[in-house]
Amino acid sequence: MTETRNTRIRRLVYQSSYTGMKETDLLLGRFAQDHLAGLDDQELDHYEALLEAGDGQIYLWVSGAEPVPAQYDTSVLELIKKFRNV
């Protein structure tokens, strides 16, 4: 059974809100609610891969504490960084 786009977005919003680290829960949960519906399928793939990297890593990358590996350095991560600074 294939997941519909709407179901995928709802799942990703949920996952974003419960990453395990309060700081990333707040950041990614709000980002997901505000932006996931506007992302294309490839960008959703990038976002999903980012979530799989883990909340601790995401926090370090978004805060600039660690360099972002090339595979995660996507337009989606840049959107998250800009969202964080708003």
PDB file of N, CA and C in Angstrom:
ATOM      1  N   MET A   1       0.849  -1.186   0.000  1.00  0.00           N
ATOM      2  CA  MET A   1       0.000   0.000   0.000  1.00  0.00           C
ATOM      3  C   MET A   1       0.887   1.239   0.000  1.00  0.00           C
ATOM      4  N   THR A   2       0.605   2.154  -0.877  1.00  0.00           N
ATOM      5  CA  THR A   2       1.376   3.377  -1.003  1.00  0.00           C
ATOM      6  C   THR A   2       0.750   4.475  -0.164  1.00  0.00           C
ATOM      7  N   GLU A   3       1.592   5.220   0.503  1.00  0.00           N
ATOM      8  CA  GLU A   3       1.162   6.326   1.346  1.00  0.00           C
ATOM      9  C   GLU A   3       0.806   7.528   0.471  1.00  0.00           C
ATOM     10  N   THR A   4      -0.316   8.151   0.730  1.00  0.00           N
ATOM     11  CA  THR A   4      -0.686   9.352  -0.023  1.00  0.00           C
ATOM     12  C   THR A   4       0.180  10.527   0.444  1.00  0.00           C
ATOM     13  N   ARG A   5       0.254  11.540  -0.372  1.00  0.00           N
ATOM     14  CA  ARG A   5       1.037  12.731  -0.019  1.00  0.00           C
ATOM     15  C   ARG A   5       0.522  13.356   1.273  1.00  0.00           C
ATOM     16  N   ASN A   6      -0.780  13.471   1.398  1.00  0.00           N
ATOM     17  CA  ASN A   6      -1.380  14.065   2.595  1.00  0.00           C
ATOM     18  C   ASN A   6      -1.032  13.252   3.844  1.00  0.00           C
ATOM     19  N   THR A   7      -1.113  11.945   3.742  1.00  0.00           N
ATOM     20  CA  THR A   7      -0.771  11.075   4.873  1.00  0.00           C
ATOM     21  C   THR A   7       0.705  11.212   5.210  1.00  0.00           C
ATOM     22  N   ARG A   8       1.536  11.277   4.188  1.00  0.00           N
ATOM     23  CA  ARG A   8       2.971  11.429   4.412  1.00  0.00           C
ATOM     24  C   ARG A   8       3.262  12.730   5.156  1.00  0.00           C
ATOM     25  N   ILE A   9       2.649  13.804   4.732  1.00  0.00           N
ATOM     26  CA  ILE A   9       2.867  15.094   5.388  1.00  0.00           C
ATOM     27  C   ILE A   9       2.392  15.043   6.836  1.00  0.00           C
ATOM     28  N   ARG A  10       1.242  14.466   7.083  1.00  0.00           N
ATOM     29  CA  ARG A  10       0.733  14.351   8.459  1.00  0.00           C
ATOM     30  C   ARG A  10       1.691  13.524   9.320  1.00  0.00           C
ATOM     31  N   ARG A  11       2.217  12.439   8.761  1.00  0.00           N
ATOM     32  CA  ARG A  11       3.166  11.593   9.492  1.00  0.00           C
ATOM     33  C   ARG A  11       4.438  12.375   9.811  1.00  0.00           C
ATOM     34  N   LEU A  12       4.944  13.120   8.836  1.00  0.00           N
ATOM     35  CA  LEU A  12       6.165  13.888   9.048  1.00  0.00           C
ATOM     36  C   LEU A  12       5.962  15.020  10.049  1.00  0.00           C
ATOM     37  N   VAL A  13       4.802  15.651  10.036  1.00  0.00           N
ATOM     38  CA  VAL A  13       4.501  16.684  11.032  1.00  0.00           C
ATOM     39  C   VAL A  13       4.514  16.058  12.424  1.00  0.00           C
ATOM     40  N   TYR A  14       3.896  14.905  12.558  1.00  0.00           N
ATOM     41  CA  TYR A  14       3.878  14.208  13.853  1.00  0.00           C
ATOM     42  C   TYR A  14       5.296  13.855  14.284  1.00  0.00           C
ATOM     43  N   GLN A  15       6.073  13.242  13.391  1.00  0.00           N
ATOM     44  CA  GLN A  15       7.447  12.856  13.722  1.00  0.00           C
ATOM     45  C   GLN A  15       8.287  14.078  14.097  1.00  0.00           C
ATOM     46  N   SER A  16       8.047  15.181  13.428  1.00  0.00           N
ATOM     47  CA  SER A  16       8.795  16.402  13.688  1.00  0.00           C
ATOM     48  C   SER A  16       8.507  16.973  15.068  1.00  0.00           C
ATOM     49  N   SER A  17       7.318  16.739  15.559  1.00  0.00           N
ATOM     50  CA  SER A  17       6.902  17.275  16.849  1.00  0.00           C
ATOM     51  C   SER A  17       7.338  16.407  18.018  1.00  0.00           C
ATOM     52  N   TYR A  18       7.788  15.191  17.731  1.00  0.00           N
ATOM     53  CA  TYR A  18       8.183  14.251  18.779  1.00  0.00           C
ATOM     54  C   TYR A  18       9.517  13.596  18.435  1.00  0.00           C
ATOM     55  N   THR A  19      10.556  14.424  18.300  1.00  0.00           N
ATOM     56  CA  THR A  19      11.871  13.913  17.931  1.00  0.00           C
ATOM     57  C   THR A  19      12.606  13.327  19.127  1.00  0.00           C
ATOM     58  N   GLY A  20      12.278  13.794  20.308  1.00  0.00           N
ATOM     59  CA  GLY A  20      12.945  13.317  21.509  1.00  0.00           C
ATOM     60  C   GLY A  20      13.717  14.411  22.222  1.00  0.00           C
ATOM     61  N   MET A  21      13.966  15.512  21.562  1.00  0.00           N
ATOM     62  CA  MET A  21      14.690  16.637  22.153  1.00  0.00           C
ATOM     63  C   MET A  21      13.787  17.863  22.059  1.00  0.00           C
ATOM     64  N   LYS A  22      13.489  18.480  23.181  1.00  0.00           N
ATOM     65  CA  LYS A  22      12.501  19.558  23.240  1.00  0.00           C
ATOM     66  C   LYS A  22      12.800  20.680  22.245  1.00  0.00           C
ATOM     67  N   GLU A  23      14.089  21.067  22.127  1.00  0.00           N
ATOM     68  CA  GLU A  23      14.455  22.159  21.232  1.00  0.00           C
ATOM     69  C   GLU A  23      14.097  21.836  19.782  1.00  0.00           C
ATOM     70  N   THR A  24      14.417  20.612  19.350  1.00  0.00           N
ATOM     71  CA  THR A  24      14.110  20.250  17.965  1.00  0.00           C
ATOM     72  C   THR A  24      12.625  19.958  17.786  1.00  0.00           C
ATOM     73  N   ASP A  25      11.964  19.465  18.842  1.00  0.00           N
ATOM     74  CA  ASP A  25      10.509  19.274  18.758  1.00  0.00           C
ATOM     75  C   ASP A  25       9.831  20.603  18.413  1.00  0.00           C
ATOM     76  N   LEU A  26      10.222  21.649  19.113  1.00  0.00           N
ATOM     77  CA  LEU A  26       9.604  22.961  18.893  1.00  0.00           C
ATOM     78  C   LEU A  26       9.954  23.507  17.521  1.00  0.00           C
ATOM     79  N   LEU A  27      11.225  23.458  17.168  1.00  0.00           N
ATOM     80  CA  LEU A  27      11.666  23.995  15.884  1.00  0.00           C
ATOM     81  C   LEU A  27      11.071  23.219  14.716  1.00  0.00           C
ATOM     82  N   LEU A  28      11.301  21.908  14.708  1.00  0.00           N
ATOM     83  CA  LEU A  28      10.859  21.107  13.565  1.00  0.00           C
ATOM     84  C   LEU A  28       9.346  20.950  13.516  1.00  0.00           C
ATOM     85  N   GLY A  29       8.703  20.868  14.675  1.00  0.00           N
ATOM     86  CA  GLY A  29       7.243  20.766  14.696  1.00  0.00           C
ATOM     87  C   GLY A  29       6.586  21.975  14.057  1.00  0.00           C
ATOM     88  N   ARG A  30       7.059  23.156  14.442  1.00  0.00           N
ATOM     89  CA  ARG A  30       6.505  24.392  13.861  1.00  0.00           C
ATOM     90  C   ARG A  30       6.866  24.515  12.388  1.00  0.00           C
ATOM     91  N   PHE A  31       8.123  24.192  12.053  1.00  0.00           N
ATOM     92  CA  PHE A  31       8.542  24.247  10.651  1.00  0.00           C
ATOM     93  C   PHE A  31       7.672  23.319   9.806  1.00  0.00           C
ATOM     94  N   ALA A  32       7.489  22.099  10.275  1.00  0.00           N
ATOM     95  CA  ALA A  32       6.711  21.116   9.523  1.00  0.00           C
ATOM     96  C   ALA A  32       5.278  21.590   9.303  1.00  0.00           C
ATOM     97  N   GLN A  33       4.648  22.119  10.337  1.00  0.00           N
ATOM     98  CA  GLN A  33       3.277  22.611  10.209  1.00  0.00           C
ATOM     99  C   GLN A  33       3.181  23.749   9.201  1.00  0.00           C
ATOM    100  N   ASP A  34       4.185  24.608   9.199  1.00  0.00           N
ATOM    101  CA  ASP A  34       4.146  25.786   8.338  1.00  0.00           C
ATOM    102  C   ASP A  34       4.606  25.528   6.901  1.00  0.00           C
ATOM    103  N   HIS A  35       5.509  24.547   6.686  1.00  0.00           N
ATOM    104  CA  HIS A  35       6.173  24.457   5.390  1.00  0.00           C
ATOM    105  C   HIS A  35       6.040  23.141   4.621  1.00  0.00           C
ATOM    106  N   LEU A  36       5.770  22.039   5.273  1.00  0.00           N
ATOM    107  CA  LEU A  36       5.811  20.758   4.554  1.00  0.00           C
ATOM    108  C   LEU A  36       4.831  20.677   3.394  1.00  0.00           C
ATOM    109  N   ALA A  37       3.661  21.222   3.555  1.00  0.00           N
ATOM    110  CA  ALA A  37       2.672  21.151   2.471  1.00  0.00           C
ATOM    111  C   ALA A  37       3.156  21.863   1.206  1.00  0.00           C
ATOM    112  N   GLY A  38       4.042  22.834   1.354  1.00  0.00           N
ATOM    113  CA  GLY A  38       4.554  23.578   0.210  1.00  0.00           C
ATOM    114  C   GLY A  38       5.794  22.975  -0.434  1.00  0.00           C
ATOM    115  N   LEU A  39       6.327  21.907   0.166  1.00  0.00           N
ATOM    116  CA  LEU A  39       7.511  21.261  -0.398  1.00  0.00           C
ATOM    117  C   LEU A  39       7.115  20.261  -1.477  1.00  0.00           C
ATOM    118  N   ASP A  40       7.981  20.097  -2.473  1.00  0.00           N
ATOM    119  CA  ASP A  40       7.710  19.077  -3.484  1.00  0.00           C
ATOM    120  C   ASP A  40       8.168  17.710  -2.961  1.00  0.00           C
ATOM    121  N   ASP A  41       7.932  16.660  -3.724  1.00  0.00           N
ATOM    122  CA  ASP A  41       8.230  15.303  -3.256  1.00  0.00           C
ATOM    123  C   ASP A  41       9.717  15.090  -2.983  1.00  0.00           C
ATOM    124  N   GLN A  42      10.581  15.655  -3.803  1.00  0.00           N
ATOM    125  CA  GLN A  42      12.015  15.505  -3.572  1.00  0.00           C
ATOM    126  C   GLN A  42      12.434  16.222  -2.283  1.00  0.00           C
ATOM    127  N   GLU A  43      11.856  17.384  -2.046  1.00  0.00           N
ATOM    128  CA  GLU A  43      12.156  18.108  -0.811  1.00  0.00           C
ATOM    129  C   GLU A  43      11.633  17.350   0.403  1.00  0.00           C
ATOM    130  N   LEU A  44      10.478  16.704   0.266  1.00  0.00           N
ATOM    131  CA  LEU A  44       9.984  15.867   1.359  1.00  0.00           C
ATOM    132  C   LEU A  44      10.932  14.694   1.605  1.00  0.00           C
ATOM    133  N   ASP A  45      11.497  14.130   0.536  1.00  0.00           N
ATOM    134  CA  ASP A  45      12.504  13.071   0.692  1.00  0.00           C
ATOM    135  C   ASP A  45      13.703  13.582   1.484  1.00  0.00           C
ATOM    136  N   HIS A  46      14.164  14.787   1.158  1.00  0.00           N
ATOM    137  CA  HIS A  46      15.295  15.384   1.875  1.00  0.00           C
ATOM    138  C   HIS A  46      14.946  15.622   3.343  1.00  0.00           C
ATOM    139  N   TYR A  47      13.744  16.084   3.591  1.00  0.00           N
ATOM    140  CA  TYR A  47      13.311  16.335   4.963  1.00  0.00           C
ATOM    141  C   TYR A  47      13.247  15.026   5.745  1.00  0.00           C
ATOM    142  N   GLU A  48      12.704  14.003   5.127  1.00  0.00           N
ATOM    143  CA  GLU A  48      12.599  12.707   5.793  1.00  0.00           C
ATOM    144  C   GLU A  48      13.988  12.138   6.106  1.00  0.00           C
ATOM    145  N   ALA A  49      14.922  12.279   5.174  1.00  0.00           N
ATOM    146  CA  ALA A  49      16.293  11.825   5.403  1.00  0.00           C
ATOM    147  C   ALA A  49      16.929  12.608   6.553  1.00  0.00           C
ATOM    148  N   LEU A  50      16.631  13.879   6.618  1.00  0.00           N
ATOM    149  CA  LEU A  50      17.140  14.708   7.701  1.00  0.00           C
ATOM    150  C   LEU A  50      16.624  14.213   9.054  1.00  0.00           C
ATOM    151  N   LEU A  51      15.345  13.902   9.130  1.00  0.00           N
ATOM    152  CA  LEU A  51      14.783  13.382  10.379  1.00  0.00           C
ATOM    153  C   LEU A  51      15.465  12.079  10.787  1.00  0.00           C
ATOM    154  N   GLU A  52      15.806  11.262   9.819  1.00  0.00           N
ATOM    155  CA  GLU A  52      16.458   9.987  10.108  1.00  0.00           C
ATOM    156  C   GLU A  52      17.874  10.176  10.655  1.00  0.00           C
ATOM    157  N   ALA A  53      18.474  11.336  10.404  1.00  0.00           N
ATOM    158  CA  ALA A  53      19.819  11.615  10.916  1.00  0.00           C
ATOM    159  C   ALA A  53      19.808  11.796  12.435  1.00  0.00           C
ATOM    160  N   GLY A  54      18.668  12.142  12.980  1.00  0.00           N
ATOM    161  CA  GLY A  54      18.542  12.283  14.427  1.00  0.00           C
ATOM    162  C   GLY A  54      18.469  13.724  14.889  1.00  0.00           C
ATOM    163  N   ASP A  55      17.711  13.924  15.944  1.00  0.00           N
ATOM    164  CA  ASP A  55      17.450  15.272  16.429  1.00  0.00           C
ATOM    165  C   ASP A  55      18.700  15.964  16.965  1.00  0.00           C
ATOM    166  N   GLY A  56      19.594  15.236  17.599  1.00  0.00           N
ATOM    167  CA  GLY A  56      20.822  15.847  18.110  1.00  0.00           C
ATOM    168  C   GLY A  56      21.675  16.414  16.994  1.00  0.00           C
ATOM    169  N   GLN A  57      21.810  15.663  15.919  1.00  0.00           N
ATOM    170  CA  GLN A  57      22.584  16.122  14.769  1.00  0.00           C
ATOM    171  C   GLN A  57      21.916  17.310  14.093  1.00  0.00           C
ATOM    172  N   ILE A  58      20.611  17.224  13.927  1.00  0.00           N
ATOM    173  CA  ILE A  58      19.880  18.324  13.288  1.00  0.00           C
ATOM    174  C   ILE A  58      20.104  19.617  14.070  1.00  0.00           C
ATOM    175  N   TYR A  59      20.007  19.532  15.382  1.00  0.00           N
ATOM    176  CA  TYR A  59      20.190  20.713  16.222  1.00  0.00           C
ATOM    177  C   TYR A  59      21.590  21.303  16.032  1.00  0.00           C
ATOM    178  N   LEU A  60      22.604  20.445  16.016  1.00  0.00           N
ATOM    179  CA  LEU A  60      23.979  20.923  15.822  1.00  0.00           C
ATOM    180  C   LEU A  60      24.165  21.577  14.461  1.00  0.00           C
ATOM    181  N   TRP A  61      23.572  21.009  13.430  1.00  0.00           N
ATOM    182  CA  TRP A  61      23.688  21.571  12.086  1.00  0.00           C
ATOM    183  C   TRP A  61      22.957  22.895  11.958  1.00  0.00           C
ATOM    184  N   VAL A  62      21.742  22.936  12.479  1.00  0.00           N
ATOM    185  CA  VAL A  62      20.936  24.156  12.360  1.00  0.00           C
ATOM    186  C   VAL A  62      21.544  25.296  13.171  1.00  0.00           C
ATOM    187  N   SER A  63      22.107  24.965  14.317  1.00  0.00           N
ATOM    188  CA  SER A  63      22.718  25.997  15.156  1.00  0.00           C
ATOM    189  C   SER A  63      24.096  26.414  14.667  1.00  0.00           C
ATOM    190  N   GLY A  64      24.667  25.660  13.728  1.00  0.00           N
ATOM    191  CA  GLY A  64      25.987  25.982  13.209  1.00  0.00           C
ATOM    192  C   GLY A  64      27.123  25.440  14.052  1.00  0.00           C
ATOM    193  N   ALA A  65      26.813  24.612  15.044  1.00  0.00           N
ATOM    194  CA  ALA A  65      27.844  24.062  15.927  1.00  0.00           C
ATOM    195  C   ALA A  65      28.701  23.007  15.229  1.00  0.00           C
ATOM    196  N   GLU A  66      28.161  22.371  14.213  1.00  0.00           N
ATOM    197  CA  GLU A  66      28.898  21.375  13.430  1.00  0.00           C
ATOM    198  C   GLU A  66      28.632  21.600  11.951  1.00  0.00           C
ATOM    199  N   PRO A  67      29.631  21.291  11.119  1.00  0.00           N
ATOM    200  CA  PRO A  67      29.401  21.405   9.675  1.00  0.00           C
ATOM    201  C   PRO A  67      28.394  20.355   9.208  1.00  0.00           C
ATOM    202  N   VAL A  68      27.664  20.722   8.187  1.00  0.00           N
ATOM    203  CA  VAL A  68      26.626  19.833   7.648  1.00  0.00           C
ATOM    204  C   VAL A  68      27.246  18.920   6.594  1.00  0.00           C
ATOM    205  N   PRO A  69      27.098  17.598   6.737  1.00  0.00           N
ATOM    206  CA  PRO A  69      27.578  16.694   5.693  1.00  0.00           C
ATOM    207  C   PRO A  69      26.850  16.984   4.371  1.00  0.00           C
ATOM    208  N   ALA A  70      27.537  16.796   3.280  1.00  0.00           N
ATOM    209  CA  ALA A  70      27.003  17.137   1.954  1.00  0.00           C
ATOM    210  C   ALA A  70      25.638  16.514   1.690  1.00  0.00           C
ATOM    211  N   GLN A  71      25.424  15.278   2.134  1.00  0.00           N
ATOM    212  CA  GLN A  71      24.156  14.608   1.843  1.00  0.00           C
ATOM    213  C   GLN A  71      22.963  15.267   2.529  1.00  0.00           C
ATOM    214  N   TYR A  72      23.202  16.044   3.591  1.00  0.00           N
ATOM    215  CA  TYR A  72      22.123  16.718   4.301  1.00  0.00           C
ATOM    216  C   TYR A  72      22.080  18.222   4.019  1.00  0.00           C
ATOM    217  N   ASP A  73      23.068  18.712   3.302  1.00  0.00           N
ATOM    218  CA  ASP A  73      23.155  20.140   3.016  1.00  0.00           C
ATOM    219  C   ASP A  73      22.270  20.464   1.808  1.00  0.00           C
ATOM    220  N   THR A  74      20.980  20.546   2.065  1.00  0.00           N
ATOM    221  CA  THR A  74      19.987  20.729   1.007  1.00  0.00           C
ATOM    222  C   THR A  74      19.233  22.042   1.207  1.00  0.00           C
ATOM    223  N   SER A  75      18.424  22.365   0.234  1.00  0.00           N
ATOM    224  CA  SER A  75      17.594  23.573   0.338  1.00  0.00           C
ATOM    225  C   SER A  75      16.628  23.474   1.515  1.00  0.00           C
ATOM    226  N   VAL A  76      16.246  22.261   1.886  1.00  0.00           N
ATOM    227  CA  VAL A  76      15.323  22.081   3.014  1.00  0.00           C
ATOM    228  C   VAL A  76      16.009  22.480   4.324  1.00  0.00           C
ATOM    229  N   LEU A  77      17.256  22.071   4.498  1.00  0.00           N
ATOM    230  CA  LEU A  77      17.976  22.468   5.708  1.00  0.00           C
ATOM    231  C   LEU A  77      18.159  23.982   5.737  1.00  0.00           C
ATOM    232  N   GLU A  78      18.409  24.590   4.603  1.00  0.00           N
ATOM    233  CA  GLU A  78      18.518  26.050   4.548  1.00  0.00           C
ATOM    234  C   GLU A  78      17.201  26.714   4.943  1.00  0.00           C
ATOM    235  N   LEU A  79      16.076  26.142   4.506  1.00  0.00           N
ATOM    236  CA  LEU A  79      14.763  26.673   4.914  1.00  0.00           C
ATOM    237  C   LEU A  79      14.583  26.591   6.427  1.00  0.00           C
ATOM    238  N   ILE A  80      15.013  25.472   6.996  1.00  0.00           N
ATOM    239  CA  ILE A  80      14.897  25.296   8.453  1.00  0.00           C
ATOM    240  C   ILE A  80      15.760  26.325   9.173  1.00  0.00           C
ATOM    241  N   LYS A  81      16.976  26.546   8.681  1.00  0.00           N
ATOM    242  CA  LYS A  81      17.851  27.544   9.294  1.00  0.00           C
ATOM    243  C   LYS A  81      17.227  28.935   9.228  1.00  0.00           C
ATOM    244  N   LYS A  82      16.671  29.295   8.090  1.00  0.00           N
ATOM    245  CA  LYS A  82      16.010  30.604   7.954  1.00  0.00           C
ATOM    246  C   LYS A  82      14.802  30.689   8.867  1.00  0.00           C
ATOM    247  N   PHE A  83      14.036  29.612   8.950  1.00  0.00           N
ATOM    248  CA  PHE A  83      12.860  29.566   9.818  1.00  0.00           C
ATOM    249  C   PHE A  83      13.266  29.778  11.275  1.00  0.00           C
ATOM    250  N   ARG A  84      14.367  29.185  11.670  1.00  0.00           N
ATOM    251  CA  ARG A  84      14.866  29.309  13.034  1.00  0.00           C
ATOM    252  C   ARG A  84      15.185  30.757  13.377  1.00  0.00           C
ATOM    253  N   ASN A  85      15.654  31.496  12.402  1.00  0.00           N
ATOM    254  CA  ASN A  85      16.086  32.876  12.641  1.00  0.00           C
ATOM    255  C   ASN A  85      14.960  33.896  12.533  1.00  0.00           C
ATOM    256  N   VAL A  86      13.765  33.452  12.229  1.00  0.00           N
ATOM    257  CA  VAL A  86      12.631  34.384  12.093  1.00  0.00           C
ATOM    258  C   VAL A  86      12.109  34.786  13.442  1.00  0.00           C
TER     259      VAL A  86
END
